[in-house]
Amino acid sequence: MRGVAVLLVLVFHSWWGVIPGGLIGVDVFFVLSGYLITTLLLDEWRRSGRISLARFYGRRALRLLPALTLMTATCSVVVLADPASQFGSATLHAIPLTAGYMANWAYAGGSDLGLLAHTWSLSVEEQFYLLWPVILIGLLLWRGPWTALLGALAGIAAVFLLRHEMVSGGATWLRVYGGFDTRADALLAGCALALGAHLAAGRRPPMLPVAVAALLGAGCLARIVVDPSPYHWLEAGGFTLVAICAAALLAALVVRPVAPLVAVFALPPLVEIGRVSYGIYLWHYPLLLLLYPQTGARGPVALAVVGSLTLVAACLSHAIVEAPFLRLKRRLVAPALATMPGRGRPHRDDSPDLRTRLGAADRSGG
């Protein structure tokens, strides 16, 4: 699913106008992040009765910062080597914003971020990582997972209403598109799915309703991707619809697997693209701007050139930079698993499930 999401973004940026709604690939990433992070936090809560924020933030830093630092440093060298570049001053201005994960607010305000404009979505996710674990712990301690689920659903409704009011009040597209407060519904949709799966543990929902919801969701997403003018309604309520559709599709892949859908998303090329999706997202945009600065020049040739170079850069980044830190990340997790309840005796949660999910998170960019 990450592979599909990053391909949507890559084609949307590289082949101008061929899939006008391809920007919703970012929303799919948000849903996936909300689901994955909440699932891992709930696994830790179920096993040990607590969630270590220090360990959580340590894992996030080891997963995300090395590749981002490499990409940002490379962009810095490129623009410093050519100070007269049309992206030079904007990119240098964006570096501290990117490093501090505040690029989305500058983007929402209309600032030009040069080669780093795409890091706005990383800032949204990092702000989510900062806030959601604390909120989740508070809700779990207060009333348990049911209250957390209701809180996530209430949050989705609140973001929907806030965005509608802002649009009615004349808010710009960039403000609505780039603000954390106006995009958190996609992240919370993933959180709600993870909480629902946690509460239904051991009780498999009927396959037919899940399959129907997933197919309807996939059809709706496909329709939005090819919509020639999706923006006028996405900003009002469509982003919430996209989040719900993506969550429905995700449910049919990992919560109550529907075999035909799983077979499609398990195709080896998609799996391999998903494995390096974080690197693809990081590298595609600066390469695109440097090679094809004018949107009118973007088309199938631009997609082929930028896509090939991006895949090479992403694979090199993953092998040389990310992999060593991922090994360190797994060593950080191991002591926590060793001290959780059930060590030395059978326990209903002493399965490789958490290790499997952590490995999947490493491979997919989560």
Protein backbone atom coordinates (compact mmCIF):
# COMPACT_ATOMS: atom_id res chain seq x y z
CA MET A 1 0.00 0.00 0.00
CA ARG A 2 2.96 2.34 0.61
CA GLY A 3 4.22 1.39 -2.82
CA VAL A 4 0.94 2.48 -4.42
CA ALA A 5 0.89 5.70 -2.37
CA VAL A 6 4.41 6.77 -3.32
CA LEU A 7 3.81 5.91 -6.99
CA LEU A 8 0.76 8.18 -6.97
CA VAL A 9 2.87 11.04 -5.61
CA LEU A 10 5.72 10.38 -8.04
CA VAL A 11 3.44 10.34 -11.09
CA PHE A 12 1.46 13.35 -9.86
CA HIS A 13 4.61 15.46 -9.61
CA SER A 14 6.45 14.12 -12.66
CA TRP A 15 3.77 13.83 -15.33
CA TRP A 16 1.83 17.02 -15.00
CA GLY A 17 -1.95 16.61 -15.25
CA VAL A 18 -2.14 12.88 -15.98
CA ILE A 19 -3.56 12.06 -12.52
CA PRO A 20 -4.78 15.36 -11.05
CA GLY A 21 -5.83 13.68 -7.81
CA GLY A 22 -2.56 11.81 -7.29
CA LEU A 23 -1.78 14.10 -4.36
CA ILE A 24 -3.99 11.87 -2.20
CA GLY A 25 -1.06 9.47 -2.03
CA VAL A 26 0.11 11.65 0.86
CA ASP A 27 -3.21 11.05 2.64
CA VAL A 28 -2.72 7.30 2.25
CA PHE A 29 0.69 7.69 3.89
CA PHE A 30 -0.94 9.55 6.76
CA VAL A 31 -3.52 6.80 7.32
CA LEU A 32 -0.80 4.14 7.23
CA SER A 33 1.33 6.06 9.72
CA GLY A 34 -1.56 6.51 12.13
CA TYR A 35 -2.39 2.82 11.95
CA LEU A 36 1.17 1.54 12.27
CA ILE A 37 2.26 3.82 15.09
CA THR A 38 -0.90 3.22 17.12
CA THR A 39 -0.63 -0.54 16.61
CA LEU A 40 2.95 -0.60 17.89
CA LEU A 41 2.07 1.57 20.89
CA LEU A 42 -0.90 -0.65 21.75
CA ASP A 43 1.28 -3.76 21.44
CA GLU A 44 3.67 -2.31 23.98
CA TRP A 45 0.78 -1.30 26.25
CA ARG A 46 -0.78 -4.77 26.10
CA ARG A 47 2.51 -6.52 26.82
CA SER A 48 3.95 -4.34 29.55
CA GLY A 49 1.11 -2.14 30.80
CA ARG A 50 3.05 0.99 29.86
CA ILE A 51 4.43 2.92 26.89
CA SER A 52 7.97 4.27 26.95
CA LEU A 53 7.99 7.66 25.25
CA ALA A 54 11.79 7.81 25.32
CA ARG A 55 12.04 4.51 23.47
CA PHE A 56 9.33 5.53 21.02
CA TYR A 57 10.98 8.83 20.12
CA GLY A 58 14.35 7.10 19.91
CA ARG A 59 12.98 4.63 17.37
CA ARG A 60 11.40 7.44 15.33
CA ALA A 61 14.65 9.40 15.25
CA LEU A 62 16.68 6.37 14.16
CA ARG A 63 14.18 5.57 11.41
CA LEU A 64 13.59 9.03 9.97
CA LEU A 65 16.49 11.37 10.65
CA PRO A 66 19.45 9.69 8.86
CA ALA A 67 17.85 9.62 5.40
CA LEU A 68 16.32 13.07 5.84
CA THR A 69 19.67 14.50 6.94
CA LEU A 70 21.42 13.02 3.91
CA MET A 71 18.84 14.41 1.48
CA THR A 72 18.83 17.85 3.13
CA ALA A 73 22.64 18.01 3.18
CA THR A 74 22.79 17.03 -0.50
CA CYS A 75 20.31 19.75 -1.45
CA SER A 76 22.35 22.24 0.58
CA VAL A 77 25.54 21.36 -1.27
CA VAL A 78 23.78 21.63 -4.63
CA VAL A 79 22.38 25.12 -4.02
CA LEU A 80 25.59 26.37 -2.38
CA ALA A 81 27.52 25.25 -5.45
CA ASP A 82 25.23 27.43 -7.56
CA PRO A 83 24.11 30.40 -5.44
CA ALA A 84 22.32 31.93 -8.43
CA SER A 85 20.05 28.90 -8.76
CA GLN A 86 16.33 29.70 -8.81
CA PHE A 87 15.93 27.37 -5.82
CA GLY A 88 18.99 28.57 -3.87
CA SER A 89 17.74 31.08 -1.31
CA ALA A 90 14.40 29.33 -0.81
CA THR A 91 16.09 25.98 -0.16
CA LEU A 92 18.56 27.47 2.33
CA HIS A 93 15.69 29.22 4.10
CA ALA A 94 13.85 25.90 4.32
CA ILE A 95 16.69 23.91 5.89
CA PRO A 96 16.06 24.94 9.53
CA LEU A 97 12.31 24.56 8.99
CA THR A 98 12.83 21.05 7.65
CA ALA A 99 15.24 20.12 10.44
CA GLY A 100 12.81 21.42 13.05
CA TYR A 101 9.84 19.74 11.35
CA MET A 102 8.00 23.04 10.93
CA ALA A 103 8.08 23.21 7.13
CA ASN A 104 4.35 22.61 6.84
CA TRP A 105 3.48 25.87 8.57
CA ALA A 106 5.76 27.85 6.27
CA TYR A 107 4.26 26.00 3.31
CA ALA A 108 0.74 26.71 4.57
CA GLY A 109 1.64 30.38 4.78
CA GLY A 110 2.70 30.46 1.13
CA SER A 111 6.49 30.41 1.62
CA ASP A 112 8.67 29.00 -1.14
CA LEU A 113 10.68 26.10 0.27
CA GLY A 114 12.63 25.35 -2.91
CA LEU A 115 13.96 21.83 -3.21
CA LEU A 116 12.55 20.97 0.22
CA ALA A 117 8.92 21.91 -0.38
CA HIS A 118 7.84 18.27 -0.14
CA THR A 119 9.03 18.03 3.47
CA TRP A 120 5.82 19.71 4.62
CA SER A 121 4.19 16.26 4.92
CA LEU A 122 7.10 14.96 7.02
CA SER A 123 6.53 17.87 9.40
CA VAL A 124 2.85 16.98 9.71
CA GLU A 125 3.77 13.40 10.59
CA GLU A 126 6.44 14.46 13.09
CA GLN A 127 3.97 16.73 14.87
CA PHE A 128 1.64 13.75 15.04
CA TYR A 129 4.44 11.62 16.53
CA LEU A 130 5.02 14.30 19.13
CA LEU A 131 1.40 14.67 20.23
CA TRP A 132 -0.44 11.39 19.68
CA PRO A 133 1.53 9.03 21.97
CA VAL A 134 1.04 11.44 24.89
CA ILE A 135 -2.67 11.78 24.13
CA LEU A 136 -3.05 8.02 23.69
CA ILE A 137 -1.34 7.28 27.00
CA GLY A 138 -3.60 9.78 28.75
CA LEU A 139 -6.76 8.26 27.26
CA LEU A 140 -5.64 4.70 28.01
CA LEU A 141 -4.86 5.58 31.63
CA TRP A 142 -8.10 7.50 32.00
CA ARG A 143 -10.70 5.14 30.61
CA GLY A 144 -9.00 2.60 28.37
CA PRO A 145 -8.98 1.84 24.64
CA TRP A 146 -12.70 2.47 24.09
CA THR A 147 -12.25 6.05 25.21
CA ALA A 148 -9.17 6.36 22.98
CA LEU A 149 -11.22 5.12 20.01
CA LEU A 150 -13.99 7.60 20.71
CA GLY A 151 -11.36 10.32 21.07
CA ALA A 152 -9.88 9.49 17.66
CA LEU A 153 -13.31 9.51 16.02
CA ALA A 154 -14.17 12.81 17.72
CA GLY A 155 -10.89 14.20 16.45
CA ILE A 156 -11.75 13.22 12.86
CA ALA A 157 -15.12 14.99 13.16
CA ALA A 158 -13.49 18.06 14.70
CA VAL A 159 -10.93 18.35 11.88
CA PHE A 160 -13.69 17.96 9.29
CA LEU A 161 -15.72 20.77 10.86
CA LEU A 162 -12.68 23.00 11.37
CA ARG A 163 -11.58 22.64 7.76
CA HIS A 164 -15.12 23.34 6.51
CA GLU A 165 -15.34 26.49 8.60
CA MET A 166 -11.91 27.67 7.48
CA VAL A 167 -12.79 27.17 3.81
CA SER A 168 -16.09 28.99 4.32
CA GLY A 169 -14.14 31.82 5.95
CA GLY A 170 -11.84 32.21 2.95
CA ALA A 171 -8.79 30.19 4.01
CA THR A 172 -6.33 29.57 1.18
CA TRP A 173 -5.76 26.15 -0.37
CA LEU A 174 -2.19 26.07 0.98
CA ARG A 175 -3.35 26.82 4.53
CA VAL A 176 -5.90 24.02 4.39
CA TYR A 177 -3.55 21.62 2.63
CA GLY A 178 -0.45 22.18 4.76
CA GLY A 179 -1.72 22.75 8.29
CA PHE A 180 -1.43 19.98 10.84
CA ASP A 181 -4.79 20.95 12.31
CA THR A 182 -6.49 20.58 8.93
CA ARG A 183 -4.83 17.30 7.90
CA ALA A 184 -4.88 15.33 11.16
CA ASP A 185 -8.08 13.49 10.21
CA ALA A 186 -6.16 11.12 7.94
CA LEU A 187 -3.71 10.27 10.71
CA LEU A 188 -6.57 9.81 13.18
CA ALA A 189 -8.40 7.52 10.75
CA GLY A 190 -5.43 5.17 10.92
CA CYS A 191 -5.38 5.50 14.71
CA ALA A 192 -9.07 4.66 14.92
CA LEU A 193 -8.59 1.57 12.75
CA ALA A 194 -5.74 0.35 14.98
CA LEU A 195 -7.80 0.93 18.13
CA GLY A 196 -10.78 -0.87 16.61
CA ALA A 197 -8.59 -3.83 15.68
CA HIS A 198 -7.13 -3.85 19.19
CA LEU A 199 -10.60 -3.93 20.77
CA ALA A 200 -11.73 -6.70 18.41
CA ALA A 201 -8.65 -8.86 19.03
CA GLY A 202 -9.60 -12.53 18.81
CA ARG A 203 -12.92 -11.75 17.10
CA ARG A 204 -12.66 -11.77 13.32
CA PRO A 205 -15.27 -9.52 11.70
CA PRO A 206 -17.30 -10.98 8.81
CA MET A 207 -15.33 -10.84 5.59
CA LEU A 208 -18.15 -9.68 3.31
CA PRO A 209 -18.74 -6.24 4.89
CA VAL A 210 -14.99 -5.61 5.08
CA ALA A 211 -14.51 -6.62 1.45
CA VAL A 212 -17.42 -4.48 0.25
CA ALA A 213 -16.18 -1.45 2.21
CA ALA A 214 -12.67 -1.95 0.85
CA LEU A 215 -13.84 -2.24 -2.76
CA LEU A 216 -16.03 0.85 -2.40
CA GLY A 217 -13.11 2.68 -0.81
CA ALA A 218 -10.69 1.62 -3.55
CA GLY A 219 -13.17 2.65 -6.23
CA CYS A 220 -13.69 6.03 -4.61
CA LEU A 221 -9.93 6.61 -4.32
CA ALA A 222 -9.44 5.64 -7.97
CA ARG A 223 -12.18 8.06 -9.01
CA ILE A 224 -10.54 10.89 -7.07
CA VAL A 225 -7.12 10.15 -8.57
CA VAL A 226 -8.41 10.75 -12.11
CA ASP A 227 -10.79 13.60 -11.23
CA PRO A 228 -9.78 16.54 -13.45
CA SER A 229 -10.52 19.05 -10.70
CA PRO A 230 -10.58 17.43 -7.23
CA TYR A 231 -9.31 20.41 -5.27
CA HIS A 232 -12.51 22.40 -4.91
CA TRP A 233 -14.17 19.69 -2.84
CA LEU A 234 -11.17 17.95 -1.29
CA GLU A 235 -10.44 20.94 0.92
CA ALA A 236 -13.99 21.12 2.24
CA GLY A 237 -14.78 17.49 3.06
CA GLY A 238 -13.05 15.27 0.55
CA PHE A 239 -9.90 14.78 2.58
CA THR A 240 -11.93 13.09 5.31
CA LEU A 241 -13.61 10.87 2.72
CA VAL A 242 -10.18 9.91 1.34
CA ALA A 243 -9.01 9.02 4.85
CA ILE A 244 -12.04 6.82 5.50
CA CYS A 245 -11.68 5.06 2.14
CA ALA A 246 -7.97 4.43 2.71
CA ALA A 247 -8.70 3.06 6.19
CA ALA A 248 -11.37 0.74 4.75
CA LEU A 249 -8.90 -0.57 2.19
CA LEU A 250 -6.22 -1.02 4.85
CA ALA A 251 -8.66 -2.98 7.02
CA ALA A 252 -9.11 -5.50 4.21
CA LEU A 253 -5.36 -5.91 3.90
CA VAL A 254 -4.19 -6.27 7.51
CA VAL A 255 -7.13 -6.38 9.96
CA ARG A 256 -9.43 -8.82 8.17
CA PRO A 257 -7.43 -9.88 5.10
CA VAL A 258 -9.41 -10.32 1.90
CA ALA A 259 -7.34 -12.71 -0.22
CA PRO A 260 -7.80 -11.16 -3.69
CA LEU A 261 -6.92 -7.68 -2.44
CA VAL A 262 -3.96 -9.00 -0.48
CA ALA A 263 -2.70 -10.77 -3.61
CA VAL A 264 -2.73 -7.50 -5.56
CA PHE A 265 -0.90 -5.51 -2.92
CA ALA A 266 1.56 -8.35 -2.30
CA LEU A 267 2.90 -8.19 -5.85
CA PRO A 268 6.72 -8.20 -5.52
CA PRO A 269 7.30 -4.91 -7.40
CA LEU A 270 4.87 -3.07 -5.14
CA VAL A 271 6.41 -4.65 -2.05
CA GLU A 272 9.91 -3.62 -3.10
CA ILE A 273 8.82 -0.08 -3.94
CA GLY A 274 7.08 0.11 -0.58
CA ARG A 275 10.27 -1.03 1.13
CA VAL A 276 12.12 2.06 -0.08
CA SER A 277 9.09 4.36 -0.26
CA TYR A 278 10.51 6.78 2.31
CA GLY A 279 13.64 7.27 0.23
CA ILE A 280 11.60 7.61 -2.97
CA TYR A 281 9.53 10.35 -1.38
CA LEU A 282 12.62 12.15 -0.08
CA TRP A 283 14.60 12.13 -3.32
CA HIS A 284 12.04 12.41 -6.11
CA TYR A 285 11.10 16.05 -5.60
CA PRO A 286 14.55 17.71 -5.53
CA LEU A 287 15.60 15.59 -8.52
CA LEU A 288 12.47 16.61 -10.36
CA LEU A 289 12.96 20.33 -9.72
CA LEU A 290 16.62 20.23 -10.70
CA LEU A 291 16.00 18.31 -13.93
CA TYR A 292 12.56 19.65 -14.91
CA PRO A 293 11.96 23.00 -13.16
CA GLN A 294 9.07 23.88 -15.48
CA THR A 295 5.85 21.93 -15.02
CA GLY A 296 5.15 22.18 -18.75
CA ALA A 297 8.21 20.03 -19.45
CA ARG A 298 6.97 17.19 -17.29
CA GLY A 299 5.53 14.12 -18.94
CA PRO A 300 6.30 10.44 -19.58
CA VAL A 301 9.98 11.15 -20.27
CA ALA A 302 10.34 13.16 -17.07
CA LEU A 303 8.63 10.39 -15.15
CA ALA A 304 10.96 7.75 -16.60
CA VAL A 305 14.12 9.77 -15.97
CA VAL A 306 13.25 11.04 -12.52
CA GLY A 307 11.70 7.72 -11.50
CA SER A 308 14.85 5.79 -12.44
CA LEU A 309 17.22 8.19 -10.71
CA THR A 310 14.97 8.36 -7.66
CA LEU A 311 14.87 4.57 -7.34
CA VAL A 312 18.67 4.40 -7.50
CA ALA A 313 19.04 7.17 -4.90
CA ALA A 314 16.44 5.57 -2.61
CA CYS A 315 18.07 2.14 -2.79
CA LEU A 316 21.53 3.57 -2.10
CA SER A 317 20.20 5.63 0.80
CA HIS A 318 18.46 2.58 2.25
CA ALA A 319 21.50 0.31 1.92
CA ILE A 320 24.22 2.74 3.01
CA VAL A 321 22.52 5.12 5.44
CA GLU A 322 19.22 3.73 6.67
CA ALA A 323 20.05 0.04 7.18
CA PRO A 324 22.74 0.58 9.90
CA PHE A 325 20.36 2.78 11.88
CA LEU A 326 17.54 0.27 11.44
CA ARG A 327 19.76 -2.40 12.99
CA LEU A 328 20.43 -0.05 15.88
CA LYS A 329 16.70 0.59 16.14
CA ARG A 330 16.00 -3.15 16.45
CA ARG A 331 18.63 -3.45 19.17
CA LEU A 332 16.83 -0.66 21.00
CA VAL A 333 13.60 -2.65 20.85
CA ALA A 334 15.11 -5.99 21.96
CA PRO A 335 15.71 -5.05 25.64
CA ALA A 336 12.10 -3.88 25.91
CA LEU A 337 10.82 -7.20 24.59
CA ALA A 338 13.07 -9.11 26.99
CA THR A 339 11.67 -7.34 30.06
CA MET A 340 7.99 -7.58 29.12
CA PRO A 341 5.58 -9.91 30.97
CA GLY A 342 5.79 -13.58 30.07
CA ARG A 343 9.56 -13.85 29.80
CA GLY A 344 10.60 -17.41 30.55
CA ARG A 345 7.07 -18.82 30.42
CA PRO A 346 4.31 -19.15 27.84
CA HIS A 347 2.21 -16.01 27.48
CA ARG A 348 -0.61 -15.31 25.08
CA ASP A 349 1.25 -12.26 23.75
CA ASP A 350 4.66 -13.97 23.53
CA SER A 351 4.50 -14.35 19.77
CA PRO A 352 6.75 -12.90 17.09
CA ASP A 353 3.91 -10.50 16.20
CA LEU A 354 5.54 -7.35 17.55
CA ARG A 355 8.90 -8.19 16.04
CA THR A 356 7.13 -8.88 12.74
CA ARG A 357 5.37 -5.52 12.85
CA LEU A 358 8.55 -3.71 13.72
CA GLY A 359 10.30 -5.40 10.84
CA ALA A 360 7.45 -4.40 8.53
CA ALA A 361 7.72 -0.85 9.82
CA ASP A 362 11.43 -0.79 9.05
CA ARG A 363 10.91 -2.15 5.54
CA SER A 364 8.01 0.16 4.69
CA GLY A 365 9.39 3.37 6.10
CA GLY A 366 7.16 3.47 9.17
